[in-house]
PDB file of N, CA and C in Angstrom:
ATOM      1  N   MET A   1      49.758   6.452   3.433  1.00  0.00           N
ATOM      2  CA  MET A   1      50.848   5.498   3.359  1.00  0.00           C
ATOM      3  C   MET A   1      52.161   6.258   3.155  1.00  0.00           C
ATOM      4  N   LYS A   2      53.165   5.912   3.930  1.00  0.00           N
ATOM      5  CA  LYS A   2      54.465   6.566   3.842  1.00  0.00           C
ATOM      6  C   LYS A   2      55.217   6.059   2.619  1.00  0.00           C
ATOM      7  N   ARG A   3      55.715   6.973   1.819  1.00  0.00           N
ATOM      8  CA  ARG A   3      56.478   6.595   0.632  1.00  0.00           C
ATOM      9  C   ARG A   3      57.959   6.520   0.974  1.00  0.00           C
ATOM     10  N   HIS A   4      58.602   5.542   0.398  1.00  0.00           N
ATOM     11  CA  HIS A   4      60.031   5.345   0.605  1.00  0.00           C
ATOM     12  C   HIS A   4      60.788   6.267  -0.345  1.00  0.00           C
ATOM     13  N   THR A   5      61.760   6.991   0.166  1.00  0.00           N
ATOM     14  CA  THR A   5      62.610   7.827  -0.674  1.00  0.00           C
ATOM     15  C   THR A   5      63.707   6.940  -1.251  1.00  0.00           C
ATOM     16  N   LEU A   6      63.840   6.971  -2.560  1.00  0.00           N
ATOM     17  CA  LEU A   6      64.829   6.126  -3.220  1.00  0.00           C
ATOM     18  C   LEU A   6      66.215   6.720  -3.091  1.00  0.00           C
ATOM     19  N   ASP A   7      67.201   5.839  -2.873  1.00  0.00           N
ATOM     20  CA  ASP A   7      68.583   6.331  -2.893  1.00  0.00           C
ATOM     21  C   ASP A   7      69.018   6.423  -4.363  1.00  0.00           C
ATOM     22  N   LYS A   8      70.207   6.892  -4.602  1.00  0.00           N
ATOM     23  CA  LYS A   8      70.682   7.143  -5.969  1.00  0.00           C
ATOM     24  C   LYS A   8      70.650   5.868  -6.822  1.00  0.00           C
ATOM     25  N   GLU A   9      71.145   4.764  -6.266  1.00  0.00           N
ATOM     26  CA  GLU A   9      71.180   3.508  -7.017  1.00  0.00           C
ATOM     27  C   GLU A   9      69.772   3.009  -7.336  1.00  0.00           C
ATOM     28  N   GLU A  10      68.872   3.106  -6.358  1.00  0.00           N
ATOM     29  CA  GLU A  10      67.492   2.686  -6.585  1.00  0.00           C
ATOM     30  C   GLU A  10      66.835   3.539  -7.667  1.00  0.00           C
ATOM     31  N   GLN A  11      67.071   4.845  -7.626  1.00  0.00           N
ATOM     32  CA  GLN A  11      66.482   5.743  -8.620  1.00  0.00           C
ATOM     33  C   GLN A  11      67.034   5.445 -10.012  1.00  0.00           C
ATOM     34  N   GLU A  12      68.332   5.164 -10.116  1.00  0.00           N
ATOM     35  CA  GLU A  12      68.929   4.818 -11.408  1.00  0.00           C
ATOM     36  C   GLU A  12      68.328   3.528 -11.961  1.00  0.00           C
ATOM     37  N   THR A  13      68.114   2.555 -11.075  1.00  0.00           N
ATOM     38  CA  THR A  13      67.505   1.293 -11.491  1.00  0.00           C
ATOM     39  C   THR A  13      66.071   1.518 -11.960  1.00  0.00           C
ATOM     40  N   LEU A  14      65.310   2.296 -11.219  1.00  0.00           N
ATOM     41  CA  LEU A  14      63.930   2.596 -11.602  1.00  0.00           C
ATOM     42  C   LEU A  14      63.897   3.333 -12.935  1.00  0.00           C
ATOM     43  N   ASP A  15      64.758   4.309 -13.111  1.00  0.00           N
ATOM     44  CA  ASP A  15      64.810   5.057 -14.367  1.00  0.00           C
ATOM     45  C   ASP A  15      65.150   4.136 -15.540  1.00  0.00           C
ATOM     46  N   ALA A  16      66.101   3.229 -15.333  1.00  0.00           N
ATOM     47  CA  ALA A  16      66.477   2.293 -16.395  1.00  0.00           C
ATOM     48  C   ALA A  16      65.317   1.365 -16.726  1.00  0.00           C
ATOM     49  N   PHE A  17      64.598   0.907 -15.710  1.00  0.00           N
ATOM     50  CA  PHE A  17      63.443   0.037 -15.934  1.00  0.00           C
ATOM     51  C   PHE A  17      62.366   0.775 -16.711  1.00  0.00           C
ATOM     52  N   GLU A  18      62.029   1.956 -16.242  1.00  0.00           N
ATOM     53  CA  GLU A  18      60.975   2.730 -16.899  1.00  0.00           C
ATOM     54  C   GLU A  18      61.379   3.164 -18.297  1.00  0.00           C
ATOM     55  N   GLY A  19      62.665   3.292 -18.556  1.00  0.00           N
ATOM     56  CA  GLY A  19      63.155   3.668 -19.879  1.00  0.00           C
ATOM     57  C   GLY A  19      63.323   2.481 -20.818  1.00  0.00           C
ATOM     58  N   GLY A  20      62.982   1.297 -20.354  1.00  0.00           N
ATOM     59  CA  GLY A  20      63.075   0.111 -21.200  1.00  0.00           C
ATOM     60  C   GLY A  20      64.491  -0.374 -21.422  1.00  0.00           C
ATOM     61  N   GLU A  21      65.405   0.018 -20.548  1.00  0.00           N
ATOM     62  CA  GLU A  21      66.808  -0.334 -20.708  1.00  0.00           C
ATOM     63  C   GLU A  21      67.169  -1.677 -20.079  1.00  0.00           C
ATOM     64  N   LEU A  22      66.257  -2.260 -19.316  1.00  0.00           N
ATOM     65  CA  LEU A  22      66.558  -3.513 -18.638  1.00  0.00           C
ATOM     66  C   LEU A  22      65.876  -4.669 -19.359  1.00  0.00           C
ATOM     67  N   GLU A  23      66.562  -5.782 -19.411  1.00  0.00           N
ATOM     68  CA  GLU A  23      66.006  -6.990 -20.005  1.00  0.00           C
ATOM     69  C   GLU A  23      66.007  -8.101 -18.971  1.00  0.00           C
ATOM     70  N   SER A  24      64.999  -8.947 -19.048  1.00  0.00           N
ATOM     71  CA  SER A  24      64.919 -10.073 -18.128  1.00  0.00           C
ATOM     72  C   SER A  24      65.974 -11.114 -18.501  1.00  0.00           C
ATOM     73  N   ALA A  25      66.595 -11.688 -17.496  1.00  0.00           N
ATOM     74  CA  ALA A  25      67.560 -12.766 -17.705  1.00  0.00           C
ATOM     75  C   ALA A  25      66.880 -14.122 -17.563  1.00  0.00           C
ATOM     76  N   LEU A  26      65.552 -14.110 -17.408  1.00  0.00           N
ATOM     77  CA  LEU A  26      64.802 -15.345 -17.220  1.00  0.00           C
ATOM     78  C   LEU A  26      64.662 -16.074 -18.551  1.00  0.00           C
ATOM     79  N   THR A  27      65.292 -17.237 -18.628  1.00  0.00           N
ATOM     80  CA  THR A  27      65.204 -18.043 -19.842  1.00  0.00           C
ATOM     81  C   THR A  27      63.929 -18.870 -19.818  1.00  0.00           C
ATOM     82  N   PRO A  28      63.456 -19.319 -20.967  1.00  0.00           N
ATOM     83  CA  PRO A  28      62.276 -20.192 -20.983  1.00  0.00           C
ATOM     84  C   PRO A  28      62.478 -21.450 -20.136  1.00  0.00           C
ATOM     85  N   GLU A  29      63.686 -21.987 -20.131  1.00  0.00           N
ATOM     86  CA  GLU A  29      63.970 -23.183 -19.342  1.00  0.00           C
ATOM     87  C   GLU A  29      63.842 -22.890 -17.846  1.00  0.00           C
ATOM     88  N   ARG A  30      64.375 -21.742 -17.420  1.00  0.00           N
ATOM     89  CA  ARG A  30      64.297 -21.371 -16.009  1.00  0.00           C
ATOM     90  C   ARG A  30      62.854 -21.068 -15.615  1.00  0.00           C
ATOM     91  N   ARG A  31      62.105 -20.410 -16.502  1.00  0.00           N
ATOM     92  CA  ARG A  31      60.696 -20.126 -16.229  1.00  0.00           C
ATOM     93  C   ARG A  31      59.930 -21.429 -16.031  1.00  0.00           C
ATOM     94  N   ASP A  32      60.180 -22.424 -16.910  1.00  0.00           N
ATOM     95  CA  ASP A  32      59.523 -23.727 -16.780  1.00  0.00           C
ATOM     96  C   ASP A  32      59.907 -24.411 -15.469  1.00  0.00           C
ATOM     97  N   GLN A  33      61.185 -24.314 -15.111  1.00  0.00           N
ATOM     98  CA  GLN A  33      61.654 -24.905 -13.853  1.00  0.00           C
ATOM     99  C   GLN A  33      60.962 -24.262 -12.660  1.00  0.00           C
ATOM    100  N   LEU A  34      60.875 -22.937 -12.651  1.00  0.00           N
ATOM    101  CA  LEU A  34      60.218 -22.236 -11.553  1.00  0.00           C
ATOM    102  C   LEU A  34      58.726 -22.549 -11.499  1.00  0.00           C
ATOM    103  N   ALA A  35      58.090 -22.673 -12.651  1.00  0.00           N
ATOM    104  CA  ALA A  35      56.669 -23.024 -12.695  1.00  0.00           C
ATOM    105  C   ALA A  35      56.450 -24.421 -12.119  1.00  0.00           C
ATOM    106  N   SER A  36      57.345 -25.345 -12.431  1.00  0.00           N
ATOM    107  CA  SER A  36      57.243 -26.701 -11.912  1.00  0.00           C
ATOM    108  C   SER A  36      57.411 -26.720 -10.392  1.00  0.00           C
ATOM    109  N   ILE A  37      58.364 -25.963  -9.895  1.00  0.00           N
ATOM    110  CA  ILE A  37      58.584 -25.868  -8.451  1.00  0.00           C
ATOM    111  C   ILE A  37      57.348 -25.286  -7.767  1.00  0.00           C
ATOM    112  N   ALA A  38      56.769 -24.252  -8.357  1.00  0.00           N
ATOM    113  CA  ALA A  38      55.569 -23.639  -7.783  1.00  0.00           C
ATOM    114  C   ALA A  38      54.407 -24.627  -7.761  1.00  0.00           C
ATOM    115  N   ARG A  39      54.220 -25.356  -8.854  1.00  0.00           N
ATOM    116  CA  ARG A  39      53.138 -26.355  -8.899  1.00  0.00           C
ATOM    117  C   ARG A  39      53.330 -27.406  -7.813  1.00  0.00           C
ATOM    118  N   ASP A  40      54.562 -27.901  -7.681  1.00  0.00           N
ATOM    119  CA  ASP A  40      54.838 -28.935  -6.681  1.00  0.00           C
ATOM    120  C   ASP A  40      54.666 -28.403  -5.259  1.00  0.00           C
ATOM    121  N   THR A  41      54.990 -27.132  -5.042  1.00  0.00           N
ATOM    122  CA  THR A  41      54.877 -26.533  -3.723  1.00  0.00           C
ATOM    123  C   THR A  41      53.426 -26.455  -3.277  1.00  0.00           C
ATOM    124  N   PHE A  42      52.543 -26.140  -4.199  1.00  0.00           N
ATOM    125  CA  PHE A  42      51.147 -25.920  -3.829  1.00  0.00           C
ATOM    126  C   PHE A  42      50.227 -27.057  -4.244  1.00  0.00           C
ATOM    127  N   LYS A  43      50.813 -28.185  -4.651  1.00  0.00           N
ATOM    128  CA  LYS A  43      50.008 -29.347  -5.007  1.00  0.00           C
ATOM    129  C   LYS A  43      49.327 -29.869  -3.750  1.00  0.00           C
ATOM    130  N   LYS A  44      48.038 -30.041  -3.860  1.00  0.00           N
ATOM    131  CA  LYS A  44      47.280 -30.552  -2.714  1.00  0.00           C
ATOM    132  C   LYS A  44      47.007 -32.021  -2.953  1.00  0.00           C
ATOM    133  N   ASP A  45      47.884 -32.863  -2.417  1.00  0.00           N
ATOM    134  CA  ASP A  45      47.775 -34.291  -2.676  1.00  0.00           C
ATOM    135  C   ASP A  45      47.528 -35.103  -1.402  1.00  0.00           C
ATOM    136  N   GLN A  46      47.248 -34.413  -0.293  1.00  0.00           N
ATOM    137  CA  GLN A  46      46.958 -35.096   0.959  1.00  0.00           C
ATOM    138  C   GLN A  46      45.658 -34.537   1.535  1.00  0.00           C
ATOM    139  N   ARG A  47      44.943 -35.378   2.221  1.00  0.00           N
ATOM    140  CA  ARG A  47      43.677 -34.980   2.839  1.00  0.00           C
ATOM    141  C   ARG A  47      43.786 -35.186   4.342  1.00  0.00           C
ATOM    142  N   ILE A  48      43.186 -34.275   5.095  1.00  0.00           N
ATOM    143  CA  ILE A  48      43.097 -34.446   6.538  1.00  0.00           C
ATOM    144  C   ILE A  48      41.643 -34.238   6.961  1.00  0.00           C
ATOM    145  N   ASN A  49      41.291 -34.816   8.067  1.00  0.00           N
ATOM    146  CA  ASN A  49      40.002 -34.569   8.704  1.00  0.00           C
ATOM    147  C   ASN A  49      40.301 -33.949  10.055  1.00  0.00           C
ATOM    148  N   ILE A  50      39.536 -32.953  10.404  1.00  0.00           N
ATOM    149  CA  ILE A  50      39.787 -32.256  11.659  1.00  0.00           C
ATOM    150  C   ILE A  50      38.452 -31.858  12.278  1.00  0.00           C
ATOM    151  N   ARG A  51      38.382 -31.947  13.564  1.00  0.00           N
ATOM    152  CA  ARG A  51      37.176 -31.512  14.276  1.00  0.00           C
ATOM    153  C   ARG A  51      37.444 -30.127  14.854  1.00  0.00           C
ATOM    154  N   LEU A  52      36.488 -29.225  14.610  1.00  0.00           N
ATOM    155  CA  LEU A  52      36.568 -27.861  15.125  1.00  0.00           C
ATOM    156  C   LEU A  52      35.290 -27.550  15.872  1.00  0.00           C
ATOM    157  N   SER A  53      35.375 -26.580  16.745  1.00  0.00           N
ATOM    158  CA  SER A  53      34.143 -26.115  17.387  1.00  0.00           C
ATOM    159  C   SER A  53      33.305 -25.379  16.339  1.00  0.00           C
ATOM    160  N   ALA A  54      32.002 -25.387  16.530  1.00  0.00           N
ATOM    161  CA  ALA A  54      31.114 -24.671  15.615  1.00  0.00           C
ATOM    162  C   ALA A  54      31.480 -23.189  15.571  1.00  0.00           C
ATOM    163  N   HIS A  55      31.857 -22.653  16.735  1.00  0.00           N
ATOM    164  CA  HIS A  55      32.240 -21.240  16.813  1.00  0.00           C
ATOM    165  C   HIS A  55      33.459 -20.946  15.920  1.00  0.00           C
ATOM    166  N   ASP A  56      34.499 -21.792  16.006  1.00  0.00           N
ATOM    167  CA  ASP A  56      35.703 -21.585  15.191  1.00  0.00           C
ATOM    168  C   ASP A  56      35.404 -21.747  13.704  1.00  0.00           C
ATOM    169  N   LEU A  57      34.622 -22.753  13.353  1.00  0.00           N
ATOM    170  CA  LEU A  57      34.288 -22.966  11.946  1.00  0.00           C
ATOM    171  C   LEU A  57      33.475 -21.793  11.403  1.00  0.00           C
ATOM    172  N   ASP A  58      32.522 -21.303  12.183  1.00  0.00           N
ATOM    173  CA  ASP A  58      31.754 -20.134  11.747  1.00  0.00           C
ATOM    174  C   ASP A  58      32.664 -18.928  11.553  1.00  0.00           C
ATOM    175  N   GLY A  59      33.621 -18.761  12.458  1.00  0.00           N
ATOM    176  CA  GLY A  59      34.583 -17.663  12.327  1.00  0.00           C
ATOM    177  C   GLY A  59      35.423 -17.784  11.078  1.00  0.00           C
ATOM    178  N   LEU A  60      35.886 -19.004  10.791  1.00  0.00           N
ATOM    179  CA  LEU A  60      36.660 -19.231   9.568  1.00  0.00           C
ATOM    180  C   LEU A  60      35.834 -18.915   8.326  1.00  0.00           C
ATOM    181  N   LYS A  61      34.583 -19.342   8.339  1.00  0.00           N
ATOM    182  CA  LYS A  61      33.710 -19.091   7.190  1.00  0.00           C
ATOM    183  C   LYS A  61      33.459 -17.598   6.997  1.00  0.00           C
ATOM    184  N   ARG A  62      33.277 -16.868   8.096  1.00  0.00           N
ATOM    185  CA  ARG A  62      33.081 -15.417   8.000  1.00  0.00           C
ATOM    186  C   ARG A  62      34.326 -14.737   7.432  1.00  0.00           C
ATOM    187  N   ARG A  63      35.501 -15.129   7.944  1.00  0.00           N
ATOM    188  CA  ARG A  63      36.749 -14.527   7.455  1.00  0.00           C
ATOM    189  C   ARG A  63      36.974 -14.853   5.983  1.00  0.00           C
ATOM    190  N   ALA A  64      36.682 -16.104   5.591  1.00  0.00           N
ATOM    191  CA  ALA A  64      36.840 -16.507   4.191  1.00  0.00           C
ATOM    192  C   ALA A  64      35.892 -15.723   3.301  1.00  0.00           C
ATOM    193  N   LEU A  65      34.661 -15.539   3.745  1.00  0.00           N
ATOM    194  CA  LEU A  65      33.691 -14.766   2.977  1.00  0.00           C
ATOM    195  C   LEU A  65      34.180 -13.336   2.786  1.00  0.00           C
ATOM    196  N   ALA A  66      34.725 -12.754   3.844  1.00  0.00           N
ATOM    197  CA  ALA A  66      35.256 -11.390   3.756  1.00  0.00           C
ATOM    198  C   ALA A  66      36.428 -11.310   2.774  1.00  0.00           C
ATOM    199  N   GLU A  67      37.214 -12.393   2.684  1.00  0.00           N
ATOM    200  CA  GLU A  67      38.356 -12.434   1.761  1.00  0.00           C
ATOM    201  C   GLU A  67      37.931 -12.831   0.351  1.00  0.00           C
ATOM    202  N   GLY A  68      36.717 -13.374   0.225  1.00  0.00           N
ATOM    203  CA  GLY A  68      36.223 -13.794  -1.085  1.00  0.00           C
ATOM    204  C   GLY A  68      36.803 -15.117  -1.545  1.00  0.00           C
ATOM    205  N   ILE A  69      37.122 -15.996  -0.582  1.00  0.00           N
ATOM    206  CA  ILE A  69      37.686 -17.301  -0.924  1.00  0.00           C
ATOM    207  C   ILE A  69      36.948 -18.390  -0.157  1.00  0.00           C
ATOM    208  N   PRO A  70      36.990 -19.634  -0.646  1.00  0.00           N
ATOM    209  CA  PRO A  70      36.380 -20.731   0.117  1.00  0.00           C
ATOM    210  C   PRO A  70      37.093 -20.915   1.460  1.00  0.00           C
ATOM    211  N   TYR A  71      36.335 -21.338   2.474  1.00  0.00           N
ATOM    212  CA  TYR A  71      36.943 -21.457   3.804  1.00  0.00           C
ATOM    213  C   TYR A  71      38.027 -22.531   3.839  1.00  0.00           C
ATOM    214  N   GLN A  72      37.896 -23.592   3.008  1.00  0.00           N
ATOM    215  CA  GLN A  72      38.940 -24.619   2.988  1.00  0.00           C
ATOM    216  C   GLN A  72      40.263 -24.024   2.466  1.00  0.00           C
ATOM    217  N   THR A  73      40.155 -23.130   1.499  1.00  0.00           N
ATOM    218  CA  THR A  73      41.342 -22.465   0.957  1.00  0.00           C
ATOM    219  C   THR A  73      41.989 -21.598   2.026  1.00  0.00           C
ATOM    220  N   LEU A  74      41.162 -20.904   2.802  1.00  0.00           N
ATOM    221  CA  LEU A  74      41.687 -20.081   3.888  1.00  0.00           C
ATOM    222  C   LEU A  74      42.419 -20.936   4.915  1.00  0.00           C
ATOM    223  N   VAL A  75      41.824 -22.061   5.304  1.00  0.00           N
ATOM    224  CA  VAL A  75      42.458 -22.956   6.284  1.00  0.00           C
ATOM    225  C   VAL A  75      43.791 -23.469   5.732  1.00  0.00           C
ATOM    226  N   SER A  76      43.786 -23.889   4.480  1.00  0.00           N
ATOM    227  CA  SER A  76      45.015 -24.382   3.862  1.00  0.00           C
ATOM    228  C   SER A  76      46.091 -23.301   3.824  1.00  0.00           C
ATOM    229  N   SER A  77      45.691 -22.082   3.498  1.00  0.00           N
ATOM    230  CA  SER A  77      46.638 -20.966   3.453  1.00  0.00           C
ATOM    231  C   SER A  77      47.218 -20.663   4.826  1.00  0.00           C
ATOM    232  N   ILE A  78      46.364 -20.665   5.841  1.00  0.00           N
ATOM    233  CA  ILE A  78      46.833 -20.409   7.204  1.00  0.00           C
ATOM    234  C   ILE A  78      47.845 -21.469   7.625  1.00  0.00           C
ATOM    235  N   LEU A  79      47.520 -22.733   7.376  1.00  0.00           N
ATOM    236  CA  LEU A  79      48.438 -23.813   7.747  1.00  0.00           C
ATOM    237  C   LEU A  79      49.756 -23.712   6.982  1.00  0.00           C
ATOM    238  N   HIS A  80      49.684 -23.407   5.691  1.00  0.00           N
ATOM    239  CA  HIS A  80      50.910 -23.276   4.892  1.00  0.00           C
ATOM    240  C   HIS A  80      51.783 -22.143   5.434  1.00  0.00           C
ATOM    241  N   LYS A  81      51.171 -21.014   5.716  1.00  0.00           N
ATOM    242  CA  LYS A  81      51.944 -19.884   6.243  1.00  0.00           C
ATOM    243  C   LYS A  81      52.575 -20.225   7.592  1.00  0.00           C
ATOM    244  N   TYR A  82      51.850 -20.962   8.427  1.00  0.00           N
ATOM    245  CA  TYR A  82      52.380 -21.329   9.740  1.00  0.00           C
ATOM    246  C   TYR A  82      53.587 -22.256   9.601  1.00  0.00           C
ATOM    247  N   VAL A  83      53.463 -23.309   8.804  1.00  0.00           N
ATOM    248  CA  VAL A  83      54.575 -24.264   8.709  1.00  0.00           C
ATOM    249  C   VAL A  83      55.758 -23.691   7.943  1.00  0.00           C
ATOM    250  N   SER A  84      55.516 -22.686   7.078  1.00  0.00           N
ATOM    251  CA  SER A  84      56.633 -22.084   6.343  1.00  0.00           C
ATOM    252  C   SER A  84      57.299 -20.968   7.137  1.00  0.00           C
ATOM    253  N   GLY A  85      56.720 -20.623   8.300  1.00  0.00           N
ATOM    254  CA  GLY A  85      57.357 -19.634   9.167  1.00  0.00           C
ATOM    255  C   GLY A  85      56.892 -18.203   8.960  1.00  0.00           C
ATOM    256  N   SER A  86      55.963 -17.957   8.042  1.00  0.00           N
ATOM    257  CA  SER A  86      55.527 -16.585   7.824  1.00  0.00           C
ATOM    258  C   SER A  86      54.314 -16.212   8.687  1.00  0.00           C
ATOM    259  N   LEU A  87      53.773 -17.177   9.392  1.00  0.00           N
ATOM    260  CA  LEU A  87      52.679 -16.929  10.340  1.00  0.00           C
ATOM    261  C   LEU A  87      53.085 -17.582  11.643  1.00  0.00           C
ATOM    262  N   TYR A  88      53.041 -16.829  12.709  1.00  0.00           N
ATOM    263  CA  TYR A  88      53.484 -17.390  13.976  1.00  0.00           C
ATOM    264  C   TYR A  88      52.663 -16.805  15.122  1.00  0.00           C
ATOM    265  N   ASP A  89      52.721 -17.461  16.238  1.00  0.00           N
ATOM    266  CA  ASP A  89      51.994 -17.045  17.432  1.00  0.00           C
ATOM    267  C   ASP A  89      52.768 -15.911  18.099  1.00  0.00           C
ATOM    268  N   VAL A  90      52.172 -14.733  18.111  1.00  0.00           N
ATOM    269  CA  VAL A  90      52.857 -13.578  18.702  1.00  0.00           C
ATOM    270  C   VAL A  90      52.980 -13.706  20.215  1.00  0.00           C
ATOM    271  N   ASN A  91      52.172 -14.589  20.829  1.00  0.00           N
ATOM    272  CA  ASN A  91      52.219 -14.787  22.271  1.00  0.00           C
ATOM    273  C   ASN A  91      53.170 -15.889  22.695  1.00  0.00           C
ATOM    274  N   ALA A  92      53.734 -16.620  21.734  1.00  0.00           N
ATOM    275  CA  ALA A  92      54.654 -17.707  22.065  1.00  0.00           C
ATOM    276  C   ALA A  92      55.890 -17.148  22.760  1.00  0.00           C
ATOM    277  N   GLY A  93      56.302 -17.799  23.809  1.00  0.00           N
ATOM    278  CA  GLY A  93      57.520 -17.398  24.498  1.00  0.00           C
ATOM    279  C   GLY A  93      57.319 -16.300  25.515  1.00  0.00           C
ATOM    280  N   LYS A  94      56.088 -15.866  25.734  1.00  0.00           N
ATOM    281  CA  LYS A  94      55.860 -14.800  26.719  1.00  0.00           C
ATOM    282  C   LYS A  94      55.737 -15.378  28.101  1.00  0.00           C
TER     283      LYS A  94
END
């Protein structure tokens, strides 16, 4: 794995962090707010039914097993990444 060489500012920041010179500006109120946003973002409050080919479902189950997660969780994660824009079809637009 290629290591990134830190510039002067990055190295100063890292040194300050490792030296215990930095303090978090995260207040308990802000932490609670962020936790609430995270809970609401990943709340699973809707159900869908979908028909898949046996081949695709078997593939999903194999991939989920390799990841160590339930296949429904994998499907939900894939869909979330797609709609949030972090997963996309590399062949789209060709």
